[in-house]
Protein backbone atom coordinates (compact mmCIF):
# COMPACT_ATOMS: atom_id res chain seq x y z
CA UNK A 1 132.89 95.27 13.68
CA UNK A 2 136.50 96.40 14.13
CA UNK A 3 138.08 99.23 12.23
CA UNK A 4 141.63 99.42 10.87
CA UNK A 5 143.48 102.61 11.56
CA UNK A 6 146.24 103.66 9.05
CA UNK A 7 146.63 107.46 9.17
CA UNK A 8 147.79 109.08 5.93
CA UNK A 9 150.23 111.23 7.96
CA UNK A 10 152.53 108.27 8.69
CA UNK A 11 154.32 105.68 6.56
CA UNK A 12 152.18 102.69 5.62
CA UNK A 13 152.78 99.39 7.34
CA UNK A 14 155.80 97.39 6.24
CA UNK A 15 153.77 94.21 5.68
CA UNK A 16 150.06 93.21 5.59
CA UNK A 17 148.76 94.57 8.88
CA UNK A 18 147.26 97.78 10.22
CA UNK A 19 148.92 100.39 12.43
CA UNK A 20 146.03 100.10 14.89
CA UNK A 21 142.66 98.42 15.26
CA UNK A 22 139.61 99.68 17.09
CA UNK A 23 137.48 96.91 18.52
CA UNK A 24 133.75 97.15 19.13
CA UNK A 25 132.50 98.31 22.57
CA UNK A 26 131.54 95.34 24.71
CA UNK A 27 133.60 92.77 22.89
CA UNK A 28 134.71 89.69 24.74
CA UNK A 29 138.51 89.52 24.89
CA UNK A 30 140.96 86.56 24.63
CA UNK A 31 144.64 86.91 25.42
CA UNK A 32 146.57 83.88 24.29
CA UNK A 33 150.05 83.03 25.59
CA UNK A 34 152.83 82.66 23.09
CA UNK A 35 152.54 79.46 21.09
CA UNK A 36 155.63 77.52 20.06
CA UNK A 37 156.12 75.16 17.15
CA UNK A 38 155.68 71.80 18.89
CA UNK A 39 153.31 68.90 18.29
CA UNK A 40 151.03 67.44 20.92
CA UNK A 41 153.60 64.70 21.37
CA UNK A 42 156.33 67.35 22.03
CA UNK A 43 158.08 66.97 18.64
CA UNK A 44 159.78 70.16 17.43
CA UNK A 45 160.39 70.29 13.66
CA UNK A 46 163.76 71.80 12.64
CA UNK A 47 162.11 73.73 9.77
CA UNK A 48 160.96 77.31 10.70
CA UNK A 49 157.93 77.11 8.36
CA UNK A 50 156.74 73.85 10.00
CA UNK A 51 157.20 75.47 13.43
CA UNK A 52 155.20 78.59 12.33
CA UNK A 53 152.44 76.34 11.03
CA UNK A 54 152.28 74.56 14.38
CA UNK A 55 152.10 77.97 16.14
CA UNK A 56 149.14 78.99 14.05
CA UNK A 57 147.45 75.58 14.39
CA UNK A 58 147.77 75.89 18.17
CA UNK A 59 146.27 79.36 18.05
CA UNK A 60 143.46 78.11 15.85
CA UNK A 61 142.67 75.49 18.45
CA UNK A 62 142.70 78.08 21.28
CA UNK A 63 140.41 80.41 19.33
CA UNK A 64 138.04 77.57 18.51
CA UNK A 65 137.87 76.72 22.18
CA UNK A 66 136.69 80.21 22.81
CA UNK A 67 134.19 80.10 19.91
CA UNK A 68 136.49 82.50 17.89
CA UNK A 69 138.41 82.38 14.63
CA UNK A 70 141.39 84.25 13.12
CA UNK A 71 138.78 86.77 12.02
CA UNK A 72 138.56 87.77 15.67
CA UNK A 73 142.27 88.42 16.20
CA UNK A 74 143.04 92.09 16.62
CA UNK A 75 146.77 91.78 17.42
CA UNK A 76 149.60 89.39 16.57
CA UNK A 77 153.02 89.47 18.24
CA UNK A 78 155.56 87.27 16.53
CA UNK A 79 159.02 86.41 17.86
CA UNK A 80 161.69 84.86 15.58
CA UNK A 81 165.35 84.00 16.29
CA UNK A 82 166.64 85.21 12.90
CA UNK A 83 165.76 88.18 10.73
CA UNK A 84 165.57 85.85 7.68
CA UNK A 85 162.63 84.08 9.22
CA UNK A 86 160.39 87.20 8.93
CA UNK A 87 159.20 86.47 5.37
CA UNK A 88 158.45 82.83 6.27
CA UNK A 89 156.52 83.83 9.36
CA UNK A 90 154.64 86.51 7.40
CA UNK A 91 153.73 84.02 4.61
CA UNK A 92 152.40 81.51 7.07
CA UNK A 93 150.38 84.17 8.89
CA UNK A 94 148.88 85.27 5.53
CA UNK A 95 147.62 81.70 4.94
CA UNK A 96 145.66 81.83 8.16
CA UNK A 97 144.73 85.52 8.09
CA UNK A 98 144.23 86.92 4.61
CA UNK A 99 142.90 90.37 5.62
CA UNK A 100 145.27 92.83 7.38
CA UNK A 101 142.61 93.98 9.83
CA UNK A 102 144.93 93.50 12.85
CA UNK A 103 147.80 95.19 14.54
CA UNK A 104 151.14 93.40 14.49
CA UNK A 105 154.56 93.43 16.01
CA UNK A 106 157.57 91.21 15.08
CA UNK A 107 160.55 90.95 17.43
CA UNK A 108 163.88 89.26 16.72
CA UNK A 109 165.00 87.48 19.83
CA UNK A 110 168.14 85.58 20.90
CA UNK A 111 166.25 82.38 21.83
CA UNK A 112 163.46 80.63 23.60
CA UNK A 113 163.03 78.10 26.41
CA UNK A 114 164.51 75.34 24.27
CA UNK A 115 167.17 76.08 21.66
CA UNK A 116 165.28 74.22 18.93
CA UNK A 117 162.43 76.78 18.85
CA UNK A 118 162.71 79.41 16.09
CA UNK A 119 159.32 81.12 16.23
CA UNK A 120 156.66 82.00 18.77
CA UNK A 121 153.29 83.77 18.27
CA UNK A 122 150.84 85.33 20.65
CA UNK A 123 147.50 86.89 19.91
CA UNK A 124 144.79 89.07 21.31
CA UNK A 125 141.26 88.45 20.02
CA UNK A 126 137.94 90.17 20.55
CA UNK A 127 134.39 89.06 19.68
């Protein structure tokens, strides 16, 4: 079982996540590459929420392939091309991961491999 670390000596997290997570000894680790908001057919929705949902659906499939779920994710790294996308990304993540027992970083970037992409998400999971 993992443990969330949120020391009282520092400011609380700015969103639903933990400052750090301790994973159990001997856990099997998964490192997923950043997932972009594209369908299997290569379609890229223009809407940032739709792209975020596709990112999380892709991650869900990767986790399932490793016999894992979002409950096993210990770290999220999100990348968005506009500061205004943060609440949208955060709301979509909350639909998939209701408990903040993970570490998280969000970075605002100038762009991705194709200009249509607005969000990318990578994870580290342990089971």
